[in-house]
Amino acid sequence: MITRQQVKMARAALGWGVRELAEKAGVTANTVSRFENGADAYGETLGRIQRALETAGIVFIPEGQPSPDGGAGVRLKAGA
């Protein structure tokens, strides 16, 4: 599952604000803000957020990839 830090990094990479992500994910801006600030979110909500970001060209990198000491992160797909 994606982390709140990854969501923040992904928005920054895309130049999106909370409202733009919320609109594209079909959730409220308050939901995105609450999740980024430490509140829990339902799996379906996180799935919507993740799909919206992936559709825009974000690739989520799990913790420990590509090296064992690497933290979770994000990157843009080539050409995104």
PDB file of N, CA and C in Angstrom:
ATOM      1  N   MET A   1       0.845  -1.187   0.000  1.00  0.00           N
ATOM      2  CA  MET A   1       0.000   0.000   0.000  1.00  0.00           C
ATOM      3  C   MET A   1       0.890   1.249   0.000  1.00  0.00           C
ATOM      4  N   ILE A   2       0.428   2.280  -0.655  1.00  0.00           N
ATOM      5  CA  ILE A   2       1.193   3.524  -0.739  1.00  0.00           C
ATOM      6  C   ILE A   2       1.209   4.243   0.613  1.00  0.00           C
ATOM      7  N   THR A   3       2.221   5.071   0.793  1.00  0.00           N
ATOM      8  CA  THR A   3       2.359   5.824   2.040  1.00  0.00           C
ATOM      9  C   THR A   3       1.965   7.286   1.824  1.00  0.00           C
ATOM     10  N   ARG A   4       1.739   7.967   2.897  1.00  0.00           N
ATOM     11  CA  ARG A   4       1.387   9.395   2.813  1.00  0.00           C
ATOM     12  C   ARG A   4       2.537  10.203   2.223  1.00  0.00           C
ATOM     13  N   GLN A   5       3.775   9.801   2.537  1.00  0.00           N
ATOM     14  CA  GLN A   5       4.929  10.497   1.980  1.00  0.00           C
ATOM     15  C   GLN A   5       4.993  10.304   0.465  1.00  0.00           C
ATOM     16  N   GLN A   6       4.677   9.110  -0.010  1.00  0.00           N
ATOM     17  CA  GLN A   6       4.670   8.867  -1.446  1.00  0.00           C
ATOM     18  C   GLN A   6       3.612   9.710  -2.149  1.00  0.00           C
ATOM     19  N   VAL A   7       2.457   9.870  -1.526  1.00  0.00           N
ATOM     20  CA  VAL A   7       1.400  10.695  -2.125  1.00  0.00           C
ATOM     21  C   VAL A   7       1.876  12.138  -2.234  1.00  0.00           C
ATOM     22  N   LYS A   8       2.486  12.638  -1.188  1.00  0.00           N
ATOM     23  CA  LYS A   8       3.009  14.009  -1.216  1.00  0.00           C
ATOM     24  C   LYS A   8       4.078  14.172  -2.305  1.00  0.00           C
ATOM     25  N   MET A   9       5.003  13.206  -2.372  1.00  0.00           N
ATOM     26  CA  MET A   9       6.064  13.270  -3.376  1.00  0.00           C
ATOM     27  C   MET A   9       5.481  13.195  -4.785  1.00  0.00           C
ATOM     28  N   ALA A  10       4.487  12.337  -4.972  1.00  0.00           N
ATOM     29  CA  ALA A  10       3.872  12.180  -6.288  1.00  0.00           C
ATOM     30  C   ALA A  10       3.176  13.468  -6.713  1.00  0.00           C
ATOM     31  N   ARG A  11       2.451  14.083  -5.796  1.00  0.00           N
ATOM     32  CA  ARG A  11       1.795  15.358  -6.133  1.00  0.00           C
ATOM     33  C   ARG A  11       2.826  16.403  -6.521  1.00  0.00           C
ATOM     34  N   ALA A  12       3.922  16.451  -5.764  1.00  0.00           N
ATOM     35  CA  ALA A  12       4.982  17.431  -6.064  1.00  0.00           C
ATOM     36  C   ALA A  12       5.579  17.165  -7.439  1.00  0.00           C
ATOM     37  N   ALA A  13       5.822  15.913  -7.763  1.00  0.00           N
ATOM     38  CA  ALA A  13       6.407  15.568  -9.060  1.00  0.00           C
ATOM     39  C   ALA A  13       5.497  15.986 -10.210  1.00  0.00           C
ATOM     40  N   LEU A  14       4.200  15.893  -9.991  1.00  0.00           N
ATOM     41  CA  LEU A  14       3.232  16.256 -11.032  1.00  0.00           C
ATOM     42  C   LEU A  14       2.854  17.734 -11.006  1.00  0.00           C
ATOM     43  N   GLY A  15       3.219  18.428  -9.930  1.00  0.00           N
ATOM     44  CA  GLY A  15       2.828  19.827  -9.785  1.00  0.00           C
ATOM     45  C   GLY A  15       1.353  19.975  -9.440  1.00  0.00           C
ATOM     46  N   TRP A  16       0.780  18.957  -8.796  1.00  0.00           N
ATOM     47  CA  TRP A  16      -0.636  18.971  -8.431  1.00  0.00           C
ATOM     48  C   TRP A  16      -0.819  19.443  -6.995  1.00  0.00           C
ATOM     49  N   GLY A  17      -1.895  20.151  -6.776  1.00  0.00           N
ATOM     50  CA  GLY A  17      -2.329  20.465  -5.431  1.00  0.00           C
ATOM     51  C   GLY A  17      -3.262  19.376  -4.920  1.00  0.00           C
ATOM     52  N   VAL A  18      -3.643  19.488  -3.664  1.00  0.00           N
ATOM     53  CA  VAL A  18      -4.551  18.523  -3.044  1.00  0.00           C
ATOM     54  C   VAL A  18      -5.872  18.463  -3.807  1.00  0.00           C
ATOM     55  N   ARG A  19      -6.392  19.604  -4.186  1.00  0.00           N
ATOM     56  CA  ARG A  19      -7.690  19.633  -4.880  1.00  0.00           C
ATOM     57  C   ARG A  19      -7.637  18.928  -6.229  1.00  0.00           C
ATOM     58  N   GLU A  20      -6.545  19.107  -6.969  1.00  0.00           N
ATOM     59  CA  GLU A  20      -6.440  18.461  -8.273  1.00  0.00           C
ATOM     60  C   GLU A  20      -6.375  16.943  -8.132  1.00  0.00           C
ATOM     61  N   LEU A  21      -5.581  16.464  -7.174  1.00  0.00           N
ATOM     62  CA  LEU A  21      -5.524  15.019  -6.940  1.00  0.00           C
ATOM     63  C   LEU A  21      -6.892  14.497  -6.521  1.00  0.00           C
ATOM     64  N   ALA A  22      -7.536  15.201  -5.623  1.00  0.00           N
ATOM     65  CA  ALA A  22      -8.851  14.760  -5.148  1.00  0.00           C
ATOM     66  C   ALA A  22      -9.840  14.646  -6.301  1.00  0.00           C
ATOM     67  N   GLU A  23      -9.856  15.640  -7.167  1.00  0.00           N
ATOM     68  CA  GLU A  23     -10.771  15.628  -8.307  1.00  0.00           C
ATOM     69  C   GLU A  23     -10.489  14.431  -9.216  1.00  0.00           C
ATOM     70  N   LYS A  24      -9.227  14.193  -9.514  1.00  0.00           N
ATOM     71  CA  LYS A  24      -8.861  13.109 -10.415  1.00  0.00           C
ATOM     72  C   LYS A  24      -9.097  11.733  -9.785  1.00  0.00           C
ATOM     73  N   ALA A  25      -9.019  11.657  -8.468  1.00  0.00           N
ATOM     74  CA  ALA A  25      -9.225  10.390  -7.760  1.00  0.00           C
ATOM     75  C   ALA A  25     -10.688  10.147  -7.391  1.00  0.00           C
ATOM     76  N   GLY A  26     -11.505  11.181  -7.491  1.00  0.00           N
ATOM     77  CA  GLY A  26     -12.913  11.029  -7.123  1.00  0.00           C
ATOM     78  C   GLY A  26     -13.136  10.963  -5.620  1.00  0.00           C
ATOM     79  N   VAL A  27     -12.294  11.681  -4.877  1.00  0.00           N
ATOM     80  CA  VAL A  27     -12.439  11.774  -3.423  1.00  0.00           C
ATOM     81  C   VAL A  27     -12.450  13.261  -3.054  1.00  0.00           C
ATOM     82  N   THR A  28     -12.680  13.558  -1.797  1.00  0.00           N
ATOM     83  CA  THR A  28     -12.680  14.959  -1.393  1.00  0.00           C
ATOM     84  C   THR A  28     -11.258  15.429  -1.083  1.00  0.00           C
ATOM     85  N   ALA A  29     -11.045  16.718  -1.234  1.00  0.00           N
ATOM     86  CA  ALA A  29      -9.745  17.300  -0.907  1.00  0.00           C
ATOM     87  C   ALA A  29      -9.436  17.084   0.573  1.00  0.00           C
ATOM     88  N   ASN A  30     -10.458  17.128   1.405  1.00  0.00           N
ATOM     89  CA  ASN A  30     -10.281  16.910   2.833  1.00  0.00           C
ATOM     90  C   ASN A  30      -9.747  15.500   3.104  1.00  0.00           C
ATOM     91  N   THR A  31     -10.214  14.516   2.346  1.00  0.00           N
ATOM     92  CA  THR A  31      -9.738  13.144   2.499  1.00  0.00           C
ATOM     93  C   THR A  31      -8.251  13.053   2.181  1.00  0.00           C
ATOM     94  N   VAL A  32      -7.825  13.669   1.084  1.00  0.00           N
ATOM     95  CA  VAL A  32      -6.411  13.658   0.713  1.00  0.00           C
ATOM     96  C   VAL A  32      -5.587  14.355   1.793  1.00  0.00           C
ATOM     97  N   SER A  33      -6.019  15.508   2.229  1.00  0.00           N
ATOM     98  CA  SER A  33      -5.289  16.255   3.258  1.00  0.00           C
ATOM     99  C   SER A  33      -5.184  15.473   4.553  1.00  0.00           C
ATOM    100  N   ARG A  34      -6.285  14.885   4.971  1.00  0.00           N
ATOM    101  CA  ARG A  34      -6.261  14.110   6.220  1.00  0.00           C
ATOM    102  C   ARG A  34      -5.288  12.939   6.113  1.00  0.00           C
ATOM    103  N   PHE A  35      -5.302  12.230   4.981  1.00  0.00           N
ATOM    104  CA  PHE A  35      -4.386  11.106   4.815  1.00  0.00           C
ATOM    105  C   PHE A  35      -2.939  11.581   4.839  1.00  0.00           C
ATOM    106  N   GLU A  36      -2.632  12.628   4.095  1.00  0.00           N
ATOM    107  CA  GLU A  36      -1.264  13.140   4.061  1.00  0.00           C
ATOM    108  C   GLU A  36      -0.788  13.625   5.426  1.00  0.00           C
ATOM    109  N   ASN A  37      -1.725  14.018   6.274  1.00  0.00           N
ATOM    110  CA  ASN A  37      -1.364  14.536   7.591  1.00  0.00           C
ATOM    111  C   ASN A  37      -1.446  13.494   8.702  1.00  0.00           C
ATOM    112  N   GLY A  38      -1.624  12.214   8.330  1.00  0.00           N
ATOM    113  CA  GLY A  38      -1.510  11.163   9.333  1.00  0.00           C
ATOM    114  C   GLY A  38      -2.750  10.357   9.643  1.00  0.00           C
ATOM    115  N   ALA A  39      -3.901  10.731   9.116  1.00  0.00           N
ATOM    116  CA  ALA A  39      -5.120   9.968   9.382  1.00  0.00           C
ATOM    117  C   ALA A  39      -5.156   8.721   8.503  1.00  0.00           C
ATOM    118  N   ASP A  40      -5.868   7.723   8.955  1.00  0.00           N
ATOM    119  CA  ASP A  40      -6.036   6.511   8.166  1.00  0.00           C
ATOM    120  C   ASP A  40      -7.013   6.769   7.028  1.00  0.00           C
ATOM    121  N   ALA A  41      -6.912   5.940   5.994  1.00  0.00           N
ATOM    122  CA  ALA A  41      -7.843   6.010   4.865  1.00  0.00           C
ATOM    123  C   ALA A  41      -8.222   4.581   4.495  1.00  0.00           C
ATOM    124  N   TYR A  42      -9.437   4.416   3.989  1.00  0.00           N
ATOM    125  CA  TYR A  42      -9.903   3.100   3.564  1.00  0.00           C
ATOM    126  C   TYR A  42      -9.106   2.626   2.359  1.00  0.00           C
ATOM    127  N   GLY A  43      -8.988   1.308   2.233  1.00  0.00           N
ATOM    128  CA  GLY A  43      -8.247   0.722   1.123  1.00  0.00           C
ATOM    129  C   GLY A  43      -8.746   1.172  -0.233  1.00  0.00           C
ATOM    130  N   GLU A  44     -10.058   1.270  -0.405  1.00  0.00           N
ATOM    131  CA  GLU A  44     -10.618   1.703  -1.692  1.00  0.00           C
ATOM    132  C   GLU A  44     -10.239   3.152  -1.980  1.00  0.00           C
ATOM    133  N   THR A  45     -10.228   3.979  -0.966  1.00  0.00           N
ATOM    134  CA  THR A  45      -9.833   5.381  -1.140  1.00  0.00           C
ATOM    135  C   THR A  45      -8.378   5.472  -1.573  1.00  0.00           C
ATOM    136  N   LEU A  46      -7.513   4.716  -0.903  1.00  0.00           N
ATOM    137  CA  LEU A  46      -6.095   4.721  -1.287  1.00  0.00           C
ATOM    138  C   LEU A  46      -5.911   4.156  -2.684  1.00  0.00           C
ATOM    139  N   GLY A  47      -6.705   3.170  -3.033  1.00  0.00           N
ATOM    140  CA  GLY A  47      -6.646   2.617  -4.379  1.00  0.00           C
ATOM    141  C   GLY A  47      -7.001   3.651  -5.427  1.00  0.00           C
ATOM    142  N   ARG A  48      -8.015   4.464  -5.165  1.00  0.00           N
ATOM    143  CA  ARG A  48      -8.410   5.526  -6.096  1.00  0.00           C
ATOM    144  C   ARG A  48      -7.301   6.551  -6.258  1.00  0.00           C
ATOM    145  N   ILE A  49      -6.701   6.926  -5.141  1.00  0.00           N
ATOM    146  CA  ILE A  49      -5.611   7.901  -5.169  1.00  0.00           C
ATOM    147  C   ILE A  49      -4.427   7.327  -5.950  1.00  0.00           C
ATOM    148  N   GLN A  50      -4.083   6.087  -5.657  1.00  0.00           N
ATOM    149  CA  GLN A  50      -2.957   5.454  -6.344  1.00  0.00           C
ATOM    150  C   GLN A  50      -3.217   5.353  -7.844  1.00  0.00           C
ATOM    151  N   ARG A  51      -4.404   4.928  -8.241  1.00  0.00           N
ATOM    152  CA  ARG A  51      -4.721   4.799  -9.669  1.00  0.00           C
ATOM    153  C   ARG A  51      -4.659   6.144 -10.379  1.00  0.00           C
ATOM    154  N   ALA A  52      -5.143   7.199  -9.731  1.00  0.00           N
ATOM    155  CA  ALA A  52      -5.114   8.530 -10.343  1.00  0.00           C
ATOM    156  C   ALA A  52      -3.669   8.975 -10.581  1.00  0.00           C
ATOM    157  N   LEU A  53      -2.816   8.731  -9.608  1.00  0.00           N
ATOM    158  CA  LEU A  53      -1.421   9.129  -9.741  1.00  0.00           C
ATOM    159  C   LEU A  53      -0.696   8.270 -10.776  1.00  0.00           C
ATOM    160  N   GLU A  54      -0.964   6.980 -10.790  1.00  0.00           N
ATOM    161  CA  GLU A  54      -0.331   6.102 -11.781  1.00  0.00           C
ATOM    162  C   GLU A  54      -0.785   6.439 -13.198  1.00  0.00           C
ATOM    163  N   THR A  55      -2.045   6.784 -13.353  1.00  0.00           N
ATOM    164  CA  THR A  55      -2.559   7.182 -14.664  1.00  0.00           C
ATOM    165  C   THR A  55      -1.843   8.427 -15.177  1.00  0.00           C
ATOM    166  N   ALA A  56      -1.449   9.295 -14.245  1.00  0.00           N
ATOM    167  CA  ALA A  56      -0.743  10.525 -14.607  1.00  0.00           C
ATOM    168  C   ALA A  56       0.750  10.298 -14.849  1.00  0.00           C
ATOM    169  N   GLY A  57       1.235   9.065 -14.624  1.00  0.00           N
ATOM    170  CA  GLY A  57       2.629   8.769 -14.916  1.00  0.00           C
ATOM    171  C   GLY A  57       3.525   8.497 -13.729  1.00  0.00           C
ATOM    172  N   ILE A  58       2.961   8.363 -12.550  1.00  0.00           N
ATOM    173  CA  ILE A  58       3.753   8.077 -11.361  1.00  0.00           C
ATOM    174  C   ILE A  58       3.987   6.572 -11.233  1.00  0.00           C
ATOM    175  N   VAL A  59       5.209   6.209 -10.867  1.00  0.00           N
ATOM    176  CA  VAL A  59       5.550   4.826 -10.541  1.00  0.00           C
ATOM    177  C   VAL A  59       5.908   4.807  -9.054  1.00  0.00           C
ATOM    178  N   PHE A  60       5.247   3.955  -8.298  1.00  0.00           N
ATOM    179  CA  PHE A  60       5.530   3.840  -6.861  1.00  0.00           C
ATOM    180  C   PHE A  60       6.637   2.814  -6.648  1.00  0.00           C
ATOM    181  N   ILE A  61       7.627   3.201  -5.859  1.00  0.00           N
ATOM    182  CA  ILE A  61       8.776   2.348  -5.565  1.00  0.00           C
ATOM    183  C   ILE A  61       8.650   1.897  -4.115  1.00  0.00           C
ATOM    184  N   PRO A  62       8.516   0.578  -3.897  1.00  0.00           N
ATOM    185  CA  PRO A  62       8.366   0.094  -2.521  1.00  0.00           C
ATOM    186  C   PRO A  62       9.670   0.221  -1.728  1.00  0.00           C
ATOM    187  N   GLU A  63       9.539   0.229  -0.414  1.00  0.00           N
ATOM    188  CA  GLU A  63      10.707   0.277   0.457  1.00  0.00           C
ATOM    189  C   GLU A  63      11.601  -0.921   0.157  1.00  0.00           C
ATOM    190  N   GLY A  64      12.901  -0.697   0.160  1.00  0.00           N
ATOM    191  CA  GLY A  64      13.849  -1.758  -0.092  1.00  0.00           C
ATOM    192  C   GLY A  64      14.149  -1.993  -1.563  1.00  0.00           C
ATOM    193  N   GLN A  65      13.572  -1.191  -2.432  1.00  0.00           N
ATOM    194  CA  GLN A  65      13.816  -1.319  -3.871  1.00  0.00           C
ATOM    195  C   GLN A  65      14.469  -0.034  -4.361  1.00  0.00           C
ATOM    196  N   PRO A  66      15.394  -0.026  -5.192  1.00  0.00           N
ATOM    197  CA  PRO A  66      16.078  -1.178  -5.767  1.00  0.00           C
ATOM    198  C   PRO A  66      17.184  -1.727  -4.879  1.00  0.00           C
ATOM    199  N   SER A  67      17.487  -1.054  -3.748  1.00  0.00           N
ATOM    200  CA  SER A  67      18.519  -1.576  -2.857  1.00  0.00           C
ATOM    201  C   SER A  67      17.904  -1.827  -1.483  1.00  0.00           C
ATOM    202  N   PRO A  68      18.471  -2.732  -0.690  1.00  0.00           N
ATOM    203  CA  PRO A  68      17.889  -3.094   0.602  1.00  0.00           C
ATOM    204  C   PRO A  68      17.734  -1.921   1.565  1.00  0.00           C
ATOM    205  N   ASP A  69      18.568  -0.903   1.437  1.00  0.00           N
ATOM    206  CA  ASP A  69      18.496   0.229   2.361  1.00  0.00           C
ATOM    207  C   ASP A  69      17.690   1.403   1.794  1.00  0.00           C
ATOM    208  N   GLY A  70      17.068   1.220   0.641  1.00  0.00           N
ATOM    209  CA  GLY A  70      16.289   2.290   0.025  1.00  0.00           C
ATOM    210  C   GLY A  70      14.901   2.440   0.655  1.00  0.00           C
ATOM    211  N   GLY A  71      14.487   3.668   0.832  1.00  0.00           N
ATOM    212  CA  GLY A  71      13.154   3.926   1.356  1.00  0.00           C
ATOM    213  C   GLY A  71      12.131   3.944   0.238  1.00  0.00           C
ATOM    214  N   ALA A  72      10.864   3.950   0.609  1.00  0.00           N
ATOM    215  CA  ALA A  72       9.784   4.032  -0.363  1.00  0.00           C
ATOM    216  C   ALA A  72       9.884   5.366  -1.090  1.00  0.00           C
ATOM    217  N   GLY A  73       9.486   5.372  -2.363  1.00  0.00           N
ATOM    218  CA  GLY A  73       9.552   6.608  -3.138  1.00  0.00           C
ATOM    219  C   GLY A  73       8.661   6.570  -4.353  1.00  0.00           C
ATOM    220  N   VAL A  74       8.866   7.538  -5.232  1.00  0.00           N
ATOM    221  CA  VAL A  74       8.106   7.634  -6.481  1.00  0.00           C
ATOM    222  C   VAL A  74       9.033   8.116  -7.583  1.00  0.00           C
ATOM    223  N   ARG A  75       8.634   7.876  -8.816  1.00  0.00           N
ATOM    224  CA  ARG A  75       9.322   8.466  -9.946  1.00  0.00           C
ATOM    225  C   ARG A  75       8.307   8.625 -11.072  1.00  0.00           C
ATOM    226  N   LEU A  76       8.648   9.468 -12.037  1.00  0.00           N
ATOM    227  CA  LEU A  76       7.798   9.656 -13.208  1.00  0.00           C
ATOM    228  C   LEU A  76       8.197   8.670 -14.281  1.00  0.00           C
ATOM    229  N   LYS A  77       7.206   8.123 -14.958  1.00  0.00           N
ATOM    230  CA  LYS A  77       7.490   7.283 -16.120  1.00  0.00           C
ATOM    231  C   LYS A  77       8.126   8.155 -17.194  1.00  0.00           C
ATOM    232  N   ALA A  78       8.977   7.551 -17.993  1.00  0.00           N
ATOM    233  CA  ALA A  78       9.585   8.277 -19.105  1.00  0.00           C
ATOM    234  C   ALA A  78       8.508   8.831 -20.006  1.00  0.00           C
ATOM    235  N   GLY A  79       8.620  10.084 -20.369  1.00  0.00           N
ATOM    236  CA  GLY A  79       7.654  10.721 -21.259  1.00  0.00           C
ATOM    237  C   GLY A  79       6.395  11.221 -20.576  1.00  0.00           C
ATOM    238  N   ALA A  80       6.332  11.092 -19.257  1.00  0.00           N
ATOM    239  CA  ALA A  80       5.120  11.547 -18.541  1.00  0.00           C
ATOM    240  C   ALA A  80       5.145  13.038 -18.318  1.00  0.00           C
TER     241      ALA A  80
END
